[in-house]
Amino acid sequence: MRLLFEVSGVVRAPIEDVRERMFTGAGESGSHRLVDRERGVIAYWGDWWYRGEDSLQPHPEGALVVHRVYNIAPQGNWAPYLANKLFIGYRARLEAAMRERVRQLEAQS
């Protein structure tokens, strides 16, 4: 498993409130998803290369939400780069999505 991208954002709200909001509708663990409310982790993966992982950690200003993208391809781990056009613009999209997610989590307070 190789970390490709990591983005994070601080939600200015108590961590327990953010945890409740983050896990609303998360469902339960299954064949392609891990939901661990105690550790504050939601992970989801496909059949080929992708694993996305969201985690929640305490932060002096509230709660730190971290999103990581891993390459989990057991072989041909170079192929996701080609399939995703070398990930050009991918980080910018992840960062924009994180800003929106933080905004939404703060708006729910």
PDB file of N, CA and C in Angstrom:
ATOM      1  N   MET A   1       0.868  -1.173   0.000  1.00  0.00           N
ATOM      2  CA  MET A   1       0.000   0.000   0.000  1.00  0.00           C
ATOM      3  C   MET A   1       0.908   1.227   0.000  1.00  0.00           C
ATOM      4  N   ARG A   2       0.723   2.078  -0.996  1.00  0.00           N
ATOM      5  CA  ARG A   2       1.569   3.257  -1.146  1.00  0.00           C
ATOM      6  C   ARG A   2       0.718   4.520  -1.070  1.00  0.00           C
ATOM      7  N   LEU A   3       1.079   5.426  -0.171  1.00  0.00           N
ATOM      8  CA  LEU A   3       0.369   6.694  -0.044  1.00  0.00           C
ATOM      9  C   LEU A   3       0.662   7.563  -1.261  1.00  0.00           C
ATOM     10  N   LEU A   4      -0.402   8.009  -1.934  1.00  0.00           N
ATOM     11  CA  LEU A   4      -0.246   8.888  -3.085  1.00  0.00           C
ATOM     12  C   LEU A   4      -0.540  10.337  -2.737  1.00  0.00           C
ATOM     13  N   PHE A   5      -1.607  10.560  -1.982  1.00  0.00           N
ATOM     14  CA  PHE A   5      -2.041  11.918  -1.657  1.00  0.00           C
ATOM     15  C   PHE A   5      -2.556  11.971  -0.234  1.00  0.00           C
ATOM     16  N   GLU A   6      -2.370  13.136   0.386  1.00  0.00           N
ATOM     17  CA  GLU A   6      -2.945  13.388   1.700  1.00  0.00           C
ATOM     18  C   GLU A   6      -3.350  14.856   1.758  1.00  0.00           C
ATOM     19  N   VAL A   7      -4.587  15.099   2.144  1.00  0.00           N
ATOM     20  CA  VAL A   7      -5.079  16.465   2.353  1.00  0.00           C
ATOM     21  C   VAL A   7      -5.779  16.494   3.702  1.00  0.00           C
ATOM     22  N   SER A   8      -5.809  17.671   4.311  1.00  0.00           N
ATOM     23  CA  SER A   8      -6.445  17.767   5.622  1.00  0.00           C
ATOM     24  C   SER A   8      -7.073  19.136   5.797  1.00  0.00           C
ATOM     25  N   GLY A   9      -7.947  19.209   6.780  1.00  0.00           N
ATOM     26  CA  GLY A   9      -8.604  20.461   7.108  1.00  0.00           C
ATOM     27  C   GLY A   9      -9.056  20.445   8.552  1.00  0.00           C
ATOM     28  N   VAL A  10      -9.103  21.626   9.161  1.00  0.00           N
ATOM     29  CA  VAL A  10      -9.524  21.750  10.552  1.00  0.00           C
ATOM     30  C   VAL A  10     -10.970  22.216  10.601  1.00  0.00           C
ATOM     31  N   VAL A  11     -11.786  21.438  11.301  1.00  0.00           N
ATOM     32  CA  VAL A  11     -13.177  21.802  11.524  1.00  0.00           C
ATOM     33  C   VAL A  11     -13.230  22.452  12.901  1.00  0.00           C
ATOM     34  N   ARG A  12     -13.660  23.692  12.945  1.00  0.00           N
ATOM     35  CA  ARG A  12     -13.705  24.427  14.206  1.00  0.00           C
ATOM     36  C   ARG A  12     -15.004  24.120  14.950  1.00  0.00           C
ATOM     37  N   ALA A  13     -14.979  22.949  15.572  1.00  0.00           N
ATOM     38  CA  ALA A  13     -16.110  22.448  16.356  1.00  0.00           C
ATOM     39  C   ALA A  13     -15.566  21.342  17.244  1.00  0.00           C
ATOM     40  N   PRO A  14     -16.245  21.043  18.350  1.00  0.00           N
ATOM     41  CA  PRO A  14     -15.782  19.944  19.217  1.00  0.00           C
ATOM     42  C   PRO A  14     -15.683  18.628  18.449  1.00  0.00           C
ATOM     43  N   ILE A  15     -14.627  17.880  18.731  1.00  0.00           N
ATOM     44  CA  ILE A  15     -14.360  16.649  17.974  1.00  0.00           C
ATOM     45  C   ILE A  15     -15.515  15.659  18.054  1.00  0.00           C
ATOM     46  N   GLU A  16     -16.189  15.555  19.190  1.00  0.00           N
ATOM     47  CA  GLU A  16     -17.299  14.606  19.299  1.00  0.00           C
ATOM     48  C   GLU A  16     -18.461  15.009  18.387  1.00  0.00           C
ATOM     49  N   ASP A  17     -18.691  16.305  18.239  1.00  0.00           N
ATOM     50  CA  ASP A  17     -19.724  16.775  17.311  1.00  0.00           C
ATOM     51  C   ASP A  17     -19.339  16.443  15.869  1.00  0.00           C
ATOM     52  N   VAL A  18     -18.071  16.668  15.542  1.00  0.00           N
ATOM     53  CA  VAL A  18     -17.598  16.378  14.183  1.00  0.00           C
ATOM     54  C   VAL A  18     -17.654  14.880  13.920  1.00  0.00           C
ATOM     55  N   ARG A  19     -17.288  14.076  14.912  1.00  0.00           N
ATOM     56  CA  ARG A  19     -17.350  12.610  14.755  1.00  0.00           C
ATOM     57  C   ARG A  19     -18.781  12.173  14.438  1.00  0.00           C
ATOM     58  N   GLU A  20     -19.730  12.711  15.172  1.00  0.00           N
ATOM     59  CA  GLU A  20     -21.132  12.364  14.932  1.00  0.00           C
ATOM     60  C   GLU A  20     -21.549  12.746  13.518  1.00  0.00           C
ATOM     61  N   ARG A  21     -21.181  13.931  13.073  1.00  0.00           N
ATOM     62  CA  ARG A  21     -21.533  14.393  11.718  1.00  0.00           C
ATOM     63  C   ARG A  21     -20.844  13.552  10.650  1.00  0.00           C
ATOM     64  N   MET A  22     -19.567  13.242  10.874  1.00  0.00           N
ATOM     65  CA  MET A  22     -18.785  12.501   9.884  1.00  0.00           C
ATOM     66  C   MET A  22     -19.337  11.091   9.684  1.00  0.00           C
ATOM     67  N   PHE A  23     -19.805  10.464  10.776  1.00  0.00           N
ATOM     68  CA  PHE A  23     -20.259   9.082  10.685  1.00  0.00           C
ATOM     69  C   PHE A  23     -21.747   8.952  10.394  1.00  0.00           C
ATOM     70  N   THR A  24     -22.479  10.054  10.340  1.00  0.00           N
ATOM     71  CA  THR A  24     -23.889   9.985   9.971  1.00  0.00           C
ATOM     72  C   THR A  24     -23.989   9.466   8.538  1.00  0.00           C
ATOM     73  N   GLY A  25     -24.678   8.388   8.363  1.00  0.00           N
ATOM     74  CA  GLY A  25     -24.844   7.815   7.031  1.00  0.00           C
ATOM     75  C   GLY A  25     -23.653   7.003   6.546  1.00  0.00           C
ATOM     76  N   ALA A  26     -22.633   6.786   7.395  1.00  0.00           N
ATOM     77  CA  ALA A  26     -21.449   6.036   6.969  1.00  0.00           C
ATOM     78  C   ALA A  26     -21.731   4.543   6.824  1.00  0.00           C
ATOM     79  N   GLY A  27     -22.782   4.085   7.458  1.00  0.00           N
ATOM     80  CA  GLY A  27     -23.108   2.666   7.364  1.00  0.00           C
ATOM     81  C   GLY A  27     -22.183   1.824   8.217  1.00  0.00           C
ATOM     82  N   GLU A  28     -22.048   0.576   7.831  1.00  0.00           N
ATOM     83  CA  GLU A  28     -21.235  -0.379   8.580  1.00  0.00           C
ATOM     84  C   GLU A  28     -20.120  -0.910   7.694  1.00  0.00           C
ATOM     85  N   SER A  29     -19.141  -1.548   8.307  1.00  0.00           N
ATOM     86  CA  SER A  29     -18.053  -2.165   7.555  1.00  0.00           C
ATOM     87  C   SER A  29     -18.608  -3.244   6.642  1.00  0.00           C
ATOM     88  N   GLY A  30     -17.954  -3.439   5.509  1.00  0.00           N
ATOM     89  CA  GLY A  30     -18.372  -4.452   4.547  1.00  0.00           C
ATOM     90  C   GLY A  30     -17.184  -4.901   3.720  1.00  0.00           C
ATOM     91  N   SER A  31     -17.456  -5.508   2.565  1.00  0.00           N
ATOM     92  CA  SER A  31     -16.380  -6.077   1.755  1.00  0.00           C
ATOM     93  C   SER A  31     -15.449  -5.022   1.162  1.00  0.00           C
ATOM     94  N   HIS A  32     -15.930  -3.805   0.984  1.00  0.00           N
ATOM     95  CA  HIS A  32     -15.089  -2.743   0.422  1.00  0.00           C
ATOM     96  C   HIS A  32     -15.129  -1.485   1.281  1.00  0.00           C
ATOM     97  N   ARG A  33     -15.413  -1.656   2.564  1.00  0.00           N
ATOM     98  CA  ARG A  33     -15.491  -0.492   3.440  1.00  0.00           C
ATOM     99  C   ARG A  33     -15.186  -0.892   4.879  1.00  0.00           C
ATOM    100  N   LEU A  34     -14.441   0.003   5.544  1.00  0.00           N
ATOM    101  CA  LEU A  34     -14.170  -0.133   6.975  1.00  0.00           C
ATOM    102  C   LEU A  34     -14.745   1.096   7.658  1.00  0.00           C
ATOM    103  N   VAL A  35     -15.580   0.888   8.656  1.00  0.00           N
ATOM    104  CA  VAL A  35     -16.146   1.982   9.436  1.00  0.00           C
ATOM    105  C   VAL A  35     -15.782   1.708  10.888  1.00  0.00           C
ATOM    106  N   ASP A  36     -14.855   2.505  11.420  1.00  0.00           N
ATOM    107  CA  ASP A  36     -14.390   2.326  12.792  1.00  0.00           C
ATOM    108  C   ASP A  36     -14.644   3.629  13.548  1.00  0.00           C
ATOM    109  N   ARG A  37     -15.783   3.707  14.186  1.00  0.00           N
ATOM    110  CA  ARG A  37     -16.181   4.926  14.893  1.00  0.00           C
ATOM    111  C   ARG A  37     -15.254   5.240  16.065  1.00  0.00           C
ATOM    112  N   GLU A  38     -14.793   4.209  16.759  1.00  0.00           N
ATOM    113  CA  GLU A  38     -13.908   4.433  17.909  1.00  0.00           C
ATOM    114  C   GLU A  38     -12.590   5.073  17.499  1.00  0.00           C
ATOM    115  N   ARG A  39     -11.988   4.585  16.426  1.00  0.00           N
ATOM    116  CA  ARG A  39     -10.720   5.147  15.948  1.00  0.00           C
ATOM    117  C   ARG A  39     -10.927   6.380  15.093  1.00  0.00           C
ATOM    118  N   GLY A  40     -12.162   6.635  14.688  1.00  0.00           N
ATOM    119  CA  GLY A  40     -12.440   7.786  13.836  1.00  0.00           C
ATOM    120  C   GLY A  40     -11.945   7.598  12.419  1.00  0.00           C
ATOM    121  N   VAL A  41     -12.153   6.395  11.859  1.00  0.00           N
ATOM    122  CA  VAL A  41     -11.654   6.070  10.519  1.00  0.00           C
ATOM    123  C   VAL A  41     -12.774   5.489   9.666  1.00  0.00           C
ATOM    124  N   ILE A  42     -12.852   5.997   8.436  1.00  0.00           N
ATOM    125  CA  ILE A  42     -13.706   5.415   7.406  1.00  0.00           C
ATOM    126  C   ILE A  42     -12.799   5.171   6.210  1.00  0.00           C
ATOM    127  N   ALA A  43     -12.740   3.937   5.734  1.00  0.00           N
ATOM    128  CA  ALA A  43     -11.915   3.599   4.577  1.00  0.00           C
ATOM    129  C   ALA A  43     -12.778   2.865   3.562  1.00  0.00           C
ATOM    130  N   TYR A  44     -12.470   3.064   2.298  1.00  0.00           N
ATOM    131  CA  TYR A  44     -13.213   2.414   1.228  1.00  0.00           C
ATOM    132  C   TYR A  44     -12.225   2.136   0.109  1.00  0.00           C
ATOM    133  N   TRP A  45     -12.425   1.002  -0.584  1.00  0.00           N
ATOM    134  CA  TRP A  45     -11.486   0.609  -1.615  1.00  0.00           C
ATOM    135  C   TRP A  45     -12.200  -0.128  -2.721  1.00  0.00           C
ATOM    136  N   GLY A  46     -11.526  -0.146  -3.858  1.00  0.00           N
ATOM    137  CA  GLY A  46     -12.065  -0.828  -5.030  1.00  0.00           C
ATOM    138  C   GLY A  46     -11.401  -2.178  -5.217  1.00  0.00           C
ATOM    139  N   ASP A  47     -11.595  -2.735  -6.391  1.00  0.00           N
ATOM    140  CA  ASP A  47     -11.028  -4.053  -6.676  1.00  0.00           C
ATOM    141  C   ASP A  47      -9.632  -3.988  -7.274  1.00  0.00           C
ATOM    142  N   TRP A  48      -9.191  -2.783  -7.657  1.00  0.00           N
ATOM    143  CA  TRP A  48      -7.937  -2.720  -8.391  1.00  0.00           C
ATOM    144  C   TRP A  48      -6.872  -1.956  -7.631  1.00  0.00           C
ATOM    145  N   TRP A  49      -6.916  -0.633  -7.655  1.00  0.00           N
ATOM    146  CA  TRP A  49      -5.796   0.117  -7.105  1.00  0.00           C
ATOM    147  C   TRP A  49      -6.165   1.075  -5.975  1.00  0.00           C
ATOM    148  N   TYR A  50      -7.394   1.478  -5.833  1.00  0.00           N
ATOM    149  CA  TYR A  50      -7.772   2.615  -4.996  1.00  0.00           C
ATOM    150  C   TYR A  50      -8.152   2.228  -3.567  1.00  0.00           C
ATOM    151  N   ARG A  51      -7.624   2.986  -2.620  1.00  0.00           N
ATOM    152  CA  ARG A  51      -8.105   2.952  -1.234  1.00  0.00           C
ATOM    153  C   ARG A  51      -8.133   4.399  -0.758  1.00  0.00           C
ATOM    154  N   GLY A  52      -9.293   4.840  -0.317  1.00  0.00           N
ATOM    155  CA  GLY A  52      -9.451   6.158   0.272  1.00  0.00           C
ATOM    156  C   GLY A  52      -9.698   5.988   1.754  1.00  0.00           C
ATOM    157  N   GLU A  53      -9.080   6.848   2.548  1.00  0.00           N
ATOM    158  CA  GLU A  53      -9.209   6.712   3.992  1.00  0.00           C
ATOM    159  C   GLU A  53      -9.420   8.090   4.603  1.00  0.00           C
ATOM    160  N   ASP A  54     -10.470   8.217   5.383  1.00  0.00           N
ATOM    161  CA  ASP A  54     -10.752   9.446   6.119  1.00  0.00           C
ATOM    162  C   ASP A  54     -10.531   9.177   7.595  1.00  0.00           C
ATOM    163  N   SER A  55      -9.847  10.098   8.259  1.00  0.00           N
ATOM    164  CA  SER A  55      -9.631   9.933   9.692  1.00  0.00           C
ATOM    165  C   SER A  55      -9.891  11.249  10.403  1.00  0.00           C
ATOM    166  N   LEU A  56     -10.154  11.134  11.668  1.00  0.00           N
ATOM    167  CA  LEU A  56     -10.498  12.271  12.506  1.00  0.00           C
ATOM    168  C   LEU A  56      -9.581  12.253  13.720  1.00  0.00           C
ATOM    169  N   GLN A  57      -8.956  13.395  13.997  1.00  0.00           N
ATOM    170  CA  GLN A  57      -8.023  13.497  15.113  1.00  0.00           C
ATOM    171  C   GLN A  57      -8.278  14.796  15.867  1.00  0.00           C
ATOM    172  N   PRO A  58      -7.954  14.827  17.157  1.00  0.00           N
ATOM    173  CA  PRO A  58      -8.100  16.078  17.906  1.00  0.00           C
ATOM    174  C   PRO A  58      -7.156  17.150  17.365  1.00  0.00           C
ATOM    175  N   HIS A  59      -7.584  18.386  17.462  1.00  0.00           N
ATOM    176  CA  HIS A  59      -6.781  19.531  17.030  1.00  0.00           C
ATOM    177  C   HIS A  59      -7.068  20.662  18.014  1.00  0.00           C
ATOM    178  N   PRO A  60      -6.088  21.522  18.314  1.00  0.00           N
ATOM    179  CA  PRO A  60      -6.318  22.613  19.265  1.00  0.00           C
ATOM    180  C   PRO A  60      -7.508  23.512  18.913  1.00  0.00           C
ATOM    181  N   GLU A  61      -7.840  23.581  17.624  1.00  0.00           N
ATOM    182  CA  GLU A  61      -8.959  24.433  17.196  1.00  0.00           C
ATOM    183  C   GLU A  61     -10.245  23.654  16.977  1.00  0.00           C
ATOM    184  N   GLY A  62     -10.229  22.340  17.218  1.00  0.00           N
ATOM    185  CA  GLY A  62     -11.427  21.528  17.011  1.00  0.00           C
ATOM    186  C   GLY A  62     -11.078  20.112  16.623  1.00  0.00           C
ATOM    187  N   ALA A  63     -11.273  19.790  15.333  1.00  0.00           N
ATOM    188  CA  ALA A  63     -11.023  18.432  14.853  1.00  0.00           C
ATOM    189  C   ALA A  63     -10.295  18.492  13.511  1.00  0.00           C
ATOM    190  N   LEU A  64      -9.297  17.658  13.366  1.00  0.00           N
ATOM    191  CA  LEU A  64      -8.538  17.564  12.121  1.00  0.00           C
ATOM    192  C   LEU A  64      -9.096  16.409  11.304  1.00  0.00           C
ATOM    193  N   VAL A  65      -9.563  16.694  10.106  1.00  0.00           N
ATOM    194  CA  VAL A  65     -10.047  15.680   9.179  1.00  0.00           C
ATOM    195  C   VAL A  65      -8.947  15.460   8.144  1.00  0.00           C
ATOM    196  N   VAL A  66      -8.533  14.209   7.976  1.00  0.00           N
ATOM    197  CA  VAL A  66      -7.464  13.870   7.039  1.00  0.00           C
ATOM    198  C   VAL A  66      -8.018  12.876   6.020  1.00  0.00           C
ATOM    199  N   HIS A  67      -7.758  13.148   4.741  1.00  0.00           N
ATOM    200  CA  HIS A  67      -8.138  12.217   3.676  1.00  0.00           C
ATOM    201  C   HIS A  67      -6.858  11.755   2.993  1.00  0.00           C
ATOM    202  N   ARG A  68      -6.710  10.445   2.899  1.00  0.00           N
ATOM    203  CA  ARG A  68      -5.539   9.861   2.236  1.00  0.00           C
ATOM    204  C   ARG A  68      -6.003   8.976   1.081  1.00  0.00           C
ATOM    205  N   VAL A  69      -5.214   8.987   0.016  1.00  0.00           N
ATOM    206  CA  VAL A  69      -5.462   8.122  -1.134  1.00  0.00           C
ATOM    207  C   VAL A  69      -4.245   7.223  -1.288  1.00  0.00           C
ATOM    208  N   TYR A  70      -4.506   5.920  -1.298  1.00  0.00           N
ATOM    209  CA  TYR A  70      -3.440   4.930  -1.426  1.00  0.00           C
ATOM    210  C   TYR A  70      -3.579   4.165  -2.732  1.00  0.00           C
ATOM    211  N   ASN A  71      -2.426   3.750  -3.260  1.00  0.00           N
ATOM    212  CA  ASN A  71      -2.379   2.807  -4.373  1.00  0.00           C
ATOM    213  C   ASN A  71      -2.206   1.429  -3.740  1.00  0.00           C
ATOM    214  N   ILE A  72      -3.215   0.581  -3.878  1.00  0.00           N
ATOM    215  CA  ILE A  72      -3.153  -0.748  -3.274  1.00  0.00           C
ATOM    216  C   ILE A  72      -3.007  -1.850  -4.329  1.00  0.00           C
ATOM    217  N   ALA A  73      -2.640  -1.468  -5.553  1.00  0.00           N
ATOM    218  CA  ALA A  73      -2.481  -2.462  -6.619  1.00  0.00           C
ATOM    219  C   ALA A  73      -1.400  -3.467  -6.226  1.00  0.00           C
ATOM    220  N   PRO A  74      -1.734  -4.763  -6.202  1.00  0.00           N
ATOM    221  CA  PRO A  74      -0.744  -5.764  -5.803  1.00  0.00           C
ATOM    222  C   PRO A  74       0.344  -5.981  -6.859  1.00  0.00           C
ATOM    223  N   GLN A  75       0.011  -5.697  -8.105  1.00  0.00           N
ATOM    224  CA  GLN A  75       0.989  -5.791  -9.190  1.00  0.00           C
ATOM    225  C   GLN A  75       0.614  -4.747 -10.227  1.00  0.00           C
ATOM    226  N   GLY A  76       1.561  -4.364 -11.027  1.00  0.00           N
ATOM    227  CA  GLY A  76       1.282  -3.312 -12.004  1.00  0.00           C
ATOM    228  C   GLY A  76       0.929  -1.998 -11.328  1.00  0.00           C
ATOM    229  N   ASN A  77       1.593  -1.724 -10.193  1.00  0.00           N
ATOM    230  CA  ASN A  77       1.226  -0.530  -9.433  1.00  0.00           C
ATOM    231  C   ASN A  77       1.573   0.769 -10.146  1.00  0.00           C
ATOM    232  N   TRP A  78       2.173   0.701 -11.296  1.00  0.00           N
ATOM    233  CA  TRP A  78       2.443   1.872 -12.126  1.00  0.00           C
ATOM    234  C   TRP A  78       1.221   2.223 -12.983  1.00  0.00           C
ATOM    235  N   ALA A  79       0.349   1.251 -13.218  1.00  0.00           N
ATOM    236  CA  ALA A  79      -0.777   1.442 -14.135  1.00  0.00           C
ATOM    237  C   ALA A  79      -1.775   2.518 -13.685  1.00  0.00           C
ATOM    238  N   PRO A  80      -2.051   2.702 -12.391  1.00  0.00           N
ATOM    239  CA  PRO A  80      -2.987   3.764 -12.006  1.00  0.00           C
ATOM    240  C   PRO A  80      -2.553   5.153 -12.470  1.00  0.00           C
ATOM    241  N   TYR A  81      -1.236   5.363 -12.579  1.00  0.00           N
ATOM    242  CA  TYR A  81      -0.752   6.661 -13.063  1.00  0.00           C
ATOM    243  C   TYR A  81      -1.185   6.897 -14.503  1.00  0.00           C
ATOM    244  N   LEU A  82      -1.093   5.865 -15.312  1.00  0.00           N
ATOM    245  CA  LEU A  82      -1.519   5.988 -16.709  1.00  0.00           C
ATOM    246  C   LEU A  82      -3.037   6.094 -16.803  1.00  0.00           C
ATOM    247  N   ALA A  83      -3.731   5.270 -16.039  1.00  0.00           N
ATOM    248  CA  ALA A  83      -5.191   5.270 -16.084  1.00  0.00           C
ATOM    249  C   ALA A  83      -5.775   6.597 -15.605  1.00  0.00           C
ATOM    250  N   ASN A  84      -5.046   7.324 -14.781  1.00  0.00           N
ATOM    251  CA  ASN A  84      -5.524   8.594 -14.236  1.00  0.00           C
ATOM    252  C   ASN A  84      -4.758   9.788 -14.791  1.00  0.00           C
ATOM    253  N   LYS A  85      -4.217   9.628 -15.988  1.00  0.00           N
ATOM    254  CA  LYS A  85      -3.515  10.714 -16.692  1.00  0.00           C
ATOM    255  C   LYS A  85      -2.477  11.373 -15.803  1.00  0.00           C
ATOM    256  N   LEU A  86      -1.669  10.521 -15.153  1.00  0.00           N
ATOM    257  CA  LEU A  86      -0.584  10.932 -14.261  1.00  0.00           C
ATOM    258  C   LEU A  86      -1.073  11.748 -13.070  1.00  0.00           C
ATOM    259  N   PHE A  87      -2.354  11.671 -12.789  1.00  0.00           N
ATOM    260  CA  PHE A  87      -2.980  12.378 -11.666  1.00  0.00           C
ATOM    261  C   PHE A  87      -2.844  13.902 -11.785  1.00  0.00           C
ATOM    262  N   ILE A  88      -2.725  14.387 -12.984  1.00  0.00           N
ATOM    263  CA  ILE A  88      -2.625  15.841 -13.196  1.00  0.00           C
ATOM    264  C   ILE A  88      -3.915  16.497 -12.713  1.00  0.00           C
ATOM    265  N   GLY A  89      -3.774  17.456 -11.813  1.00  0.00           N
ATOM    266  CA  GLY A  89      -4.909  18.178 -11.252  1.00  0.00           C
ATOM    267  C   GLY A  89      -5.621  17.459 -10.120  1.00  0.00           C
ATOM    268  N   TYR A  90      -5.204  16.252  -9.805  1.00  0.00           N
ATOM    269  CA  TYR A  90      -5.885  15.439  -8.789  1.00  0.00           C
ATOM    270  C   TYR A  90      -5.777  16.070  -7.408  1.00  0.00           C
ATOM    271  N   ARG A  91      -4.569  16.510  -7.032  1.00  0.00           N
ATOM    272  CA  ARG A  91      -4.383  17.112  -5.712  1.00  0.00           C
ATOM    273  C   ARG A  91      -5.247  18.355  -5.554  1.00  0.00           C
ATOM    274  N   ALA A  92      -5.312  19.180  -6.565  1.00  0.00           N
ATOM    275  CA  ALA A  92      -6.135  20.397  -6.493  1.00  0.00           C
ATOM    276  C   ALA A  92      -7.602  20.046  -6.272  1.00  0.00           C
ATOM    277  N   ARG A  93      -8.078  18.996  -6.929  1.00  0.00           N
ATOM    278  CA  ARG A  93      -9.470  18.569  -6.732  1.00  0.00           C
ATOM    279  C   ARG A  93      -9.682  18.036  -5.310  1.00  0.00           C
ATOM    280  N   LEU A  94      -8.708  17.287  -4.797  1.00  0.00           N
ATOM    281  CA  LEU A  94      -8.811  16.792  -3.424  1.00  0.00           C
ATOM    282  C   LEU A  94      -8.830  17.946  -2.429  1.00  0.00           C
ATOM    283  N   GLU A  95      -7.975  18.937  -2.632  1.00  0.00           N
ATOM    284  CA  GLU A  95      -7.921  20.085  -1.726  1.00  0.00           C
ATOM    285  C   GLU A  95      -9.222  20.873  -1.764  1.00  0.00           C
ATOM    286  N   ALA A  96      -9.774  21.076  -2.944  1.00  0.00           N
ATOM    287  CA  ALA A  96     -11.058  21.780  -3.067  1.00  0.00           C
ATOM    288  C   ALA A  96     -12.170  20.997  -2.384  1.00  0.00           C
ATOM    289  N   ALA A  97     -12.164  19.685  -2.555  1.00  0.00           N
ATOM    290  CA  ALA A  97     -13.172  18.845  -1.919  1.00  0.00           C
ATOM    291  C   ALA A  97     -13.040  18.896  -0.400  1.00  0.00           C
ATOM    292  N   MET A  98     -11.808  18.955   0.110  1.00  0.00           N
ATOM    293  CA  MET A  98     -11.609  19.039   1.559  1.00  0.00           C
ATOM    294  C   MET A  98     -12.103  20.381   2.091  1.00  0.00           C
ATOM    295  N   ARG A  99     -11.834  21.465   1.399  1.00  0.00           N
ATOM    296  CA  ARG A  99     -12.341  22.775   1.838  1.00  0.00           C
ATOM    297  C   ARG A  99     -13.861  22.759   1.917  1.00  0.00           C
ATOM    298  N   GLU A 100     -14.503  22.156   0.929  1.00  0.00           N
ATOM    299  CA  GLU A 100     -15.971  22.064   0.924  1.00  0.00           C
ATOM    300  C   GLU A 100     -16.464  21.167   2.058  1.00  0.00           C
ATOM    301  N   ARG A 101     -15.772  20.095   2.288  1.00  0.00           N
ATOM    302  CA  ARG A 101     -16.174  19.186   3.364  1.00  0.00           C
ATOM    303  C   ARG A 101     -16.074  19.868   4.724  1.00  0.00           C
ATOM    304  N   VAL A 102     -14.988  20.602   4.954  1.00  0.00           N
ATOM    305  CA  VAL A 102     -14.830  21.341   6.214  1.00  0.00           C
ATOM    306  C   VAL A 102     -15.954  22.356   6.352  1.00  0.00           C
ATOM    307  N   ARG A 103     -16.267  23.050   5.266  1.00  0.00           N
ATOM    308  CA  ARG A 103     -17.341  24.041   5.301  1.00  0.00           C
ATOM    309  C   ARG A 103     -18.661  23.379   5.680  1.00  0.00           C
ATOM    310  N   GLN A 104     -18.945  22.232   5.091  1.00  0.00           N
ATOM    311  CA  GLN A 104     -20.188  21.523   5.381  1.00  0.00           C
ATOM    312  C   GLN A 104     -20.236  21.019   6.827  1.00  0.00           C
ATOM    313  N   LEU A 105     -19.115  20.478   7.315  1.00  0.00           N
ATOM    314  CA  LEU A 105     -19.084  19.986   8.687  1.00  0.00           C
ATOM    315  C   LEU A 105     -19.228  21.121   9.691  1.00  0.00           C
ATOM    316  N   GLU A 106     -18.677  22.284   9.395  1.00  0.00           N
ATOM    317  CA  GLU A 106     -18.828  23.439  10.279  1.00  0.00           C
ATOM    318  C   GLU A 106     -20.243  23.994  10.223  1.00  0.00           C
ATOM    319  N   ALA A 107     -20.866  23.946   9.059  1.00  0.00           N
ATOM    320  CA  ALA A 107     -22.227  24.490   8.891  1.00  0.00           C
ATOM    321  C   ALA A 107     -23.259  23.674   9.654  1.00  0.00           C
ATOM    322  N   GLN A 108     -22.960  22.434   9.960  1.00  0.00           N
ATOM    323  CA  GLN A 108     -23.896  21.564  10.654  1.00  0.00           C
ATOM    324  C   GLN A 108     -23.940  21.825  12.153  1.00  0.00           C
ATOM    325  N   SER A 109     -23.098  22.758  12.633  1.00  0.00           N
ATOM    326  CA  SER A 109     -23.078  23.003  14.089  1.00  0.00           C
ATOM    327  C   SER A 109     -24.197  23.903  14.534  1.00  0.00           C
TER     328      SER A 109
END
